Amino acid sequence: MIKTGNPVISIYTEMTPNPETMKFVANKLLFPGKSIDFPDETTAAPSPLAKELFSFPFIKSVFIASNFVTLTKTQETEDWQDVIPTIKQFLKDYLEGGGIVVNEDELAKVKQEATNDVAADDDDVVKRIKELLDNYVKPAVEMDGGAIQFKSYNSGVVNLMLQGSCSGCPSSMITLKAGIEGMMKRMIPEVKEVVAEAE
C-alpha cells in the first residue's frame, strides 16, 4: 500500500507594480476568500506564518490573501532576486509541514477595522460602495498582490485603506483616482471623492 503524505506545494513569484513588494503564489489556498495585512511585526499575532516571515531581517510587512502572500522588503534590501529563493523554500517547507497560516481564534481577538462585508446597519450608499469594491476592485488589485478595504463614507467622500502591494505603491494614486474614483462617481452618483490611507 502506498502511503501519501502532505501534497507537494509549489511556490512561484509575480512582480507587482510596487517595486518594494513581491507576490509569492502557492498552489494551495492560504486564506480562502479573505485577506489580512500585517504592516509590522507587532500586528502579526493572529498569523503564525506572518510571525515566521518577520523573523527574516529583510521583511518589512506581510499581506496574506486567497492563495498568495505579498511581502514588502526593507529599504536596506537591495534586490528581490537575492532573497526570493530563501522565501520560496521557506514557504514550501512551512506549507508542506502543515503550518498554520492564520489562527482564526487569535484573529477574532484582534479588532478588524476595515471590511468590505456588507453589514445590516450600512446605509444604501455604503452597501453599493462595498459591493462595487468587492465585485470590480478586489479582483483587479488582488492580481497585483494587494487589497483595498472600505474604511468610511461621509458627505460624498469615500475613505479607503490600501493594503499589501497597494500600500506605498507609486501607481496606487492613479489607480485610486482614475480607476476607482471614476468608476464610483459613474456608478454611485452620491460619491464625490475617493481618498485613501496606507495602513
Protein backbone atom coordinates (compact mmCIF):
# COMPACT_ATOMS: atom_id res chain seq x y z
CA MET A 1 0.00 0.00 0.00
CA ILE A 2 1.33 3.41 -0.95
CA LYS A 3 1.13 5.96 1.83
CA THR A 4 0.70 9.54 0.72
CA GLY A 5 1.90 12.47 2.77
CA ASN A 6 1.02 16.11 2.53
CA PRO A 7 0.58 17.42 -1.00
CA VAL A 8 3.62 18.88 -2.73
CA ILE A 9 3.48 22.65 -2.58
CA SER A 10 4.84 24.78 -5.38
CA ILE A 11 5.52 28.48 -4.99
CA TYR A 12 6.11 30.97 -7.80
CA THR A 13 6.67 34.70 -7.70
CA GLU A 14 4.99 37.55 -9.52
CA MET A 15 6.27 41.08 -9.64
CA THR A 16 3.80 43.77 -8.59
CA PRO A 17 3.52 47.40 -9.72
CA ASN A 18 5.20 48.29 -6.41
CA PRO A 19 8.96 47.60 -6.69
CA GLU A 20 9.20 47.18 -2.90
CA THR A 21 6.81 44.21 -2.88
CA MET A 22 6.83 40.69 -4.32
CA LYS A 23 3.87 38.32 -4.62
CA PHE A 24 4.50 34.67 -3.68
CA VAL A 25 1.75 32.45 -5.10
CA ALA A 26 1.05 28.92 -3.82
CA ASN A 27 -0.85 26.05 -5.44
CA LYS A 28 -2.92 25.89 -2.25
CA LEU A 29 -5.48 28.20 -0.67
CA LEU A 30 -3.92 30.02 2.27
CA PHE A 31 -6.76 32.29 3.43
CA PRO A 32 -9.77 31.47 1.19
CA GLY A 33 -11.92 34.43 0.21
CA LYS A 34 -10.28 36.76 2.73
CA SER A 35 -7.21 38.90 3.16
CA ILE A 36 -5.25 40.24 6.10
CA ASP A 37 -2.50 42.82 6.29
CA PHE A 38 0.32 42.84 8.83
CA PRO A 39 2.08 46.19 8.37
CA ASP A 40 4.67 45.29 11.00
CA GLU A 41 5.74 42.52 13.35
CA THR A 42 3.67 43.83 16.28
CA THR A 43 0.42 43.09 14.39
CA ALA A 44 1.34 39.51 13.39
CA ALA A 45 -0.04 37.64 16.43
CA PRO A 46 -3.02 36.06 14.57
CA SER A 47 -0.74 34.53 11.93
CA PRO A 48 1.99 32.03 12.81
CA LEU A 49 3.11 32.26 9.16
CA ALA A 50 3.47 36.05 9.31
CA LYS A 51 5.38 35.79 12.61
CA GLU A 52 7.84 33.38 10.99
CA LEU A 53 8.22 35.59 7.91
CA PHE A 54 9.03 38.61 10.11
CA SER A 55 11.98 36.64 11.51
CA PHE A 56 13.72 37.32 8.18
CA PRO A 57 15.58 40.65 8.59
CA PHE A 58 14.63 41.84 5.10
CA ILE A 59 10.82 41.63 5.57
CA LYS A 60 9.04 44.89 6.39
CA SER A 61 5.37 43.83 6.00
CA VAL A 62 3.25 40.76 5.21
CA PHE A 63 -0.09 40.57 3.38
CA ILE A 64 -1.94 37.24 3.08
CA ALA A 65 -4.88 36.58 0.75
CA SER A 66 -6.53 33.66 -1.06
CA ASN A 67 -3.57 31.69 -2.41
CA PHE A 68 -0.75 34.22 -2.07
CA VAL A 69 1.48 36.17 0.27
CA THR A 70 2.72 39.64 -0.68
CA LEU A 71 5.89 40.68 1.10
CA THR A 72 7.37 44.17 1.35
CA LYS A 73 11.13 44.33 1.71
CA THR A 74 13.08 46.71 3.90
CA GLN A 75 14.82 49.71 2.33
CA GLU A 76 18.22 48.13 3.09
CA THR A 77 17.43 45.10 0.91
CA GLU A 78 18.86 45.93 -2.49
CA ASP A 79 17.30 43.36 -4.76
CA TRP A 80 14.46 40.85 -4.50
CA GLN A 81 16.47 38.35 -6.53
CA ASP A 82 18.86 37.93 -3.59
CA VAL A 83 16.12 36.73 -1.21
CA ILE A 84 13.45 35.09 -3.41
CA PRO A 85 14.96 31.56 -3.28
CA THR A 86 15.11 31.67 0.53
CA ILE A 87 11.48 32.81 0.87
CA LYS A 88 10.18 30.31 -1.70
CA GLN A 89 11.89 27.43 0.11
CA PHE A 90 10.67 28.64 3.49
CA LEU A 91 7.04 28.90 2.27
CA LYS A 92 7.21 25.50 0.57
CA ASP A 93 8.57 23.82 3.73
CA TYR A 94 6.14 25.66 6.02
CA LEU A 95 3.04 24.78 3.98
CA GLU A 96 4.10 21.19 3.27
CA GLY A 97 4.66 20.75 7.00
CA GLY A 98 1.06 21.79 7.65
CA GLY A 99 1.99 25.11 9.27
CA ILE A 100 -0.91 27.34 10.32
CA VAL A 101 -1.39 30.37 8.07
CA VAL A 102 -3.95 32.30 10.15
CA ASN A 103 -5.28 31.31 13.57
CA GLU A 104 -8.98 32.26 13.38
CA ASP A 105 -9.35 32.28 17.21
CA GLU A 106 -6.49 34.77 17.58
CA LEU A 107 -7.86 36.80 14.67
CA ALA A 108 -11.24 37.12 16.42
CA LYS A 109 -9.49 38.74 19.41
CA VAL A 110 -7.97 41.44 17.22
CA LYS A 111 -10.34 44.22 16.24
CA GLN A 112 -10.68 44.30 12.48
CA GLU A 113 -11.41 47.91 11.49
CA ALA A 114 -11.83 47.73 7.75
CA THR A 115 -14.06 45.33 5.91
CA ASN A 116 -15.88 45.21 2.60
CA ASP A 117 -18.54 42.89 4.04
CA VAL A 118 -21.98 44.49 3.92
CA ALA A 119 -23.33 44.95 7.44
CA ALA A 120 -27.00 45.13 8.40
CA ASP A 121 -26.65 48.73 9.61
CA ASP A 122 -24.90 50.00 6.45
CA ASP A 123 -26.92 52.61 4.59
CA ASP A 124 -27.74 52.16 0.90
CA VAL A 125 -24.75 54.15 -0.40
CA VAL A 126 -22.27 52.25 1.79
CA LYS A 127 -23.78 48.92 0.64
CA ARG A 128 -23.34 49.94 -3.01
CA ILE A 129 -19.75 51.12 -2.37
CA LYS A 130 -18.81 47.83 -0.68
CA GLU A 131 -20.44 45.77 -3.44
CA LEU A 132 -18.59 47.74 -6.11
CA LEU A 133 -15.29 47.23 -4.26
CA ASP A 134 -15.94 43.51 -3.91
CA ASN A 135 -17.12 42.90 -7.48
CA TYR A 136 -14.87 45.19 -9.52
CA VAL A 137 -11.90 46.43 -7.49
CA LYS A 138 -10.95 43.37 -5.42
CA PRO A 139 -10.24 41.00 -8.36
CA ALA A 140 -8.06 43.59 -10.11
CA VAL A 141 -5.93 44.63 -7.13
CA GLU A 142 -5.52 41.03 -5.93
CA MET A 143 -3.87 40.25 -9.26
CA ASP A 144 -1.27 42.85 -8.27
CA GLY A 145 -0.85 41.39 -4.77
CA GLY A 146 -2.86 43.95 -2.84
CA ALA A 147 -6.24 44.86 -1.43
CA ILE A 148 -8.34 47.96 -0.97
CA GLN A 149 -10.67 47.98 2.04
CA PHE A 150 -13.61 50.25 2.82
CA LYS A 151 -12.93 52.49 5.81
CA SER A 152 -15.72 55.09 5.87
CA TYR A 153 -18.17 57.18 3.86
CA ASN A 154 -19.13 60.70 4.88
CA SER A 155 -20.74 63.56 2.89
CA GLY A 156 -19.76 62.22 -0.52
CA VAL A 157 -16.20 61.25 0.46
CA VAL A 158 -15.19 57.56 0.45
CA ASN A 159 -12.16 56.72 2.60
CA LEU A 160 -10.35 53.52 1.63
CA MET A 161 -7.37 51.68 3.09
CA LEU A 162 -4.57 50.42 0.84
CA GLN A 163 -3.02 47.08 1.80
CA GLY A 164 -0.35 44.71 0.52
CA SER A 165 1.37 45.88 -2.64
CA CYS A 166 -1.08 48.81 -2.92
CA SER A 167 0.33 50.38 0.23
CA GLY A 168 3.17 52.68 -0.82
CA CYS A 169 2.88 51.78 -4.50
CA PRO A 170 3.84 54.62 -6.86
CA SER A 171 0.88 53.88 -9.15
CA SER A 172 -1.73 53.42 -6.40
CA MET A 173 -2.89 57.06 -6.57
CA ILE A 174 -3.52 56.73 -10.30
CA THR A 175 -5.48 53.53 -9.67
CA LEU A 176 -7.37 55.24 -6.87
CA LYS A 177 -8.25 58.50 -8.65
CA ALA A 178 -8.52 57.49 -12.32
CA GLY A 179 -9.83 53.99 -11.74
CA ILE A 180 -11.78 53.63 -8.51
CA GLU A 181 -12.96 57.23 -8.05
CA GLY A 182 -14.00 57.48 -11.71
CA MET A 183 -15.97 54.24 -11.55
CA MET A 184 -17.63 55.11 -8.23
CA LYS A 185 -18.70 58.56 -9.43
CA ARG A 186 -20.28 56.99 -12.54
CA MET A 187 -21.98 54.11 -10.74
CA ILE A 188 -22.81 55.79 -7.41
CA PRO A 189 -23.72 59.46 -8.05
CA GLU A 190 -23.61 60.29 -4.31
CA VAL A 191 -19.82 59.75 -4.33
CA LYS A 192 -17.91 62.97 -4.97
CA GLU A 193 -14.36 61.95 -3.99
CA VAL A 194 -12.31 58.88 -3.03
CA VAL A 195 -9.36 59.24 -0.66
CA ALA A 196 -7.04 56.63 0.79
CA GLU A 197 -4.70 55.98 3.61
CA ALA A 198 -1.96 53.40 3.65
CA GLU A 199 -2.17 51.03 6.58
